[in-house]
């Protein structure tokens, strides 16, 4: 599938944190990101969620991801927050409820091509009994 997306990633850097560790957390989940420090936070942009999708498949959290994406869907964009410590370990852990005291990694995705739904199906396909199914219902 060919797609066109803009992914904006921001993460606050508290005084007690080492900026390089926060940058590593971002890069572990979003390879190719080049975080830059701006006004007390790291900011990065990528144009692929392929590695992120692989992590969702490996961790078997596709349904959770789909829920996060659809719950935050506004127009051609969606967003979600990730726990920094988990991301540092290369693990996707969605931040829900109260933000972590160190702040979370905020991710905003704007989908240009294809449609939002088609892109979500590509990154986190629907599942049946926990296994991904394609549009034809095949596993």
Protein backbone atom coordinates (compact mmCIF):
# COMPACT_ATOMS: atom_id res chain seq x y z
CA UNK A 1 0.00 0.00 0.00
CA UNK A 2 1.26 3.45 -0.86
CA UNK A 3 0.35 6.11 1.64
CA UNK A 4 1.17 9.69 2.51
CA UNK A 5 1.18 10.71 6.17
CA UNK A 6 2.74 13.33 8.40
CA UNK A 7 3.55 12.19 11.92
CA UNK A 8 4.38 14.86 14.50
CA UNK A 9 5.97 13.64 17.72
CA UNK A 10 6.45 15.79 20.83
CA UNK A 11 7.70 14.87 24.28
CA UNK A 12 8.34 17.15 27.24
CA UNK A 13 11.80 16.97 28.79
CA UNK A 14 11.68 17.60 32.53
CA UNK A 15 14.67 18.98 34.45
CA UNK A 16 15.23 15.53 36.00
CA UNK A 17 15.44 13.81 32.60
CA UNK A 18 18.33 13.31 30.23
CA UNK A 19 17.24 14.63 26.80
CA UNK A 20 19.20 11.89 24.98
CA UNK A 21 17.18 9.21 26.78
CA UNK A 22 13.90 10.85 25.76
CA UNK A 23 15.23 11.09 22.17
CA UNK A 24 16.15 7.38 22.29
CA UNK A 25 12.61 6.55 23.47
CA UNK A 26 11.19 8.35 20.43
CA UNK A 27 13.70 6.78 18.02
CA UNK A 28 13.08 3.25 19.37
CA UNK A 29 9.42 3.41 18.40
CA UNK A 30 9.79 5.72 15.40
CA UNK A 31 13.08 4.96 13.64
CA UNK A 32 14.13 7.75 11.35
CA UNK A 33 12.86 10.40 13.74
CA UNK A 34 15.46 13.05 14.49
CA UNK A 35 14.25 14.72 17.69
CA UNK A 36 15.26 18.34 18.17
CA UNK A 37 15.00 20.22 21.45
CA UNK A 38 12.60 23.16 21.34
CA UNK A 39 11.35 25.08 24.36
CA UNK A 40 11.65 22.27 26.91
CA UNK A 41 10.44 19.49 24.68
CA UNK A 42 11.69 17.26 21.91
CA UNK A 43 10.00 17.54 18.52
CA UNK A 44 10.33 15.14 15.60
CA UNK A 45 8.55 14.25 12.38
CA UNK A 46 8.37 11.01 10.41
CA UNK A 47 6.38 9.86 7.40
CA UNK A 48 6.02 6.15 8.12
CA UNK A 49 4.47 4.04 10.86
CA UNK A 50 5.81 0.73 9.50
CA UNK A 51 8.02 -0.05 12.52
CA UNK A 52 5.28 1.12 14.89
CA UNK A 53 2.88 -1.25 13.10
CA UNK A 54 5.38 -4.12 13.49
CA UNK A 55 5.53 -3.43 17.23
CA UNK A 56 1.72 -3.48 17.47
CA UNK A 57 1.64 -6.85 15.67
CA UNK A 58 4.49 -8.30 17.76
CA UNK A 59 2.91 -7.16 21.02
CA UNK A 60 -0.54 -8.33 19.85
CA UNK A 61 -2.21 -5.03 20.75
CA UNK A 62 -3.91 -4.29 17.43
CA UNK A 63 -7.39 -3.93 18.96
CA UNK A 64 -6.08 -1.52 21.61
CA UNK A 65 -4.34 0.54 18.93
CA UNK A 66 -7.45 0.63 16.73
CA UNK A 67 -9.48 1.84 19.70
CA UNK A 68 -6.99 4.63 20.41
CA UNK A 69 -6.90 5.69 16.76
CA UNK A 70 -10.68 5.72 16.26
CA UNK A 71 -11.37 7.41 19.63
CA UNK A 72 -9.12 10.35 18.72
CA UNK A 73 -10.06 10.57 15.02
CA UNK A 74 -10.81 14.14 13.91
CA UNK A 75 -11.08 14.82 10.18
CA UNK A 76 -7.97 13.48 8.48
CA UNK A 77 -5.99 13.14 11.73
CA UNK A 78 -5.72 11.08 14.88
CA UNK A 79 -3.48 11.22 17.91
CA UNK A 80 -2.32 9.15 20.83
CA UNK A 81 0.09 9.26 23.77
CA UNK A 82 2.78 6.74 24.66
CA UNK A 83 4.60 6.08 27.91
CA UNK A 84 8.22 7.25 27.68
CA UNK A 85 9.76 4.45 29.74
CA UNK A 86 8.12 1.71 27.67
CA UNK A 87 9.15 3.47 24.45
CA UNK A 88 12.73 3.64 25.72
CA UNK A 89 12.60 -0.18 25.86
CA UNK A 90 11.14 -0.32 22.32
CA UNK A 91 7.68 -1.23 23.61
CA UNK A 92 4.37 0.44 22.75
CA UNK A 93 2.37 1.29 25.86
CA UNK A 94 -0.52 3.68 25.26
CA UNK A 95 -0.90 6.34 27.94
CA UNK A 96 -4.49 6.61 29.09
CA UNK A 97 -5.94 8.56 31.98
CA UNK A 98 -3.68 10.89 33.92
CA UNK A 99 -0.41 11.81 32.19
CA UNK A 100 2.80 10.43 33.64
CA UNK A 101 4.60 12.87 35.96
CA UNK A 102 7.39 13.10 33.39
CA UNK A 103 4.90 13.62 30.59
CA UNK A 104 4.09 11.30 27.73
CA UNK A 105 5.16 11.12 24.11
CA UNK A 106 2.39 12.75 22.08
CA UNK A 107 1.90 11.56 18.51
CA UNK A 108 -0.33 13.26 15.94
CA UNK A 109 -0.86 11.59 12.56
CA UNK A 110 -2.35 13.39 9.56
CA UNK A 111 -3.37 11.04 6.76
CA UNK A 112 -3.33 12.42 3.20
CA UNK A 113 -3.61 9.13 1.27
CA UNK A 114 -5.45 6.74 1.51
CA UNK A 115 -8.52 7.35 3.71
CA UNK A 116 -8.18 7.36 7.50
CA UNK A 117 -9.95 3.98 7.78
CA UNK A 118 -7.79 2.34 5.11
CA UNK A 119 -4.63 3.62 6.77
CA UNK A 120 -5.69 2.34 10.21
CA UNK A 121 -6.52 -1.04 8.64
CA UNK A 122 -2.96 -1.06 7.24
CA UNK A 123 -1.23 -0.12 10.53
CA UNK A 124 -3.50 -2.03 12.90
CA UNK A 125 -5.76 -4.40 10.96
CA UNK A 126 -9.00 -5.70 12.43
CA UNK A 127 -8.66 -8.95 14.31
CA UNK A 128 -10.66 -12.06 14.90
CA UNK A 129 -9.83 -14.08 18.01
CA UNK A 130 -6.75 -11.89 18.37
CA UNK A 131 -5.37 -12.63 14.89
CA UNK A 132 -5.25 -10.03 12.11
CA UNK A 133 -7.75 -10.52 9.28
CA UNK A 134 -7.55 -8.88 5.86
CA UNK A 135 -10.41 -7.22 4.01
CA UNK A 136 -11.54 -10.61 2.63
CA UNK A 137 -11.76 -12.09 6.12
CA UNK A 138 -8.65 -14.26 5.64
CA UNK A 139 -6.20 -14.69 8.49
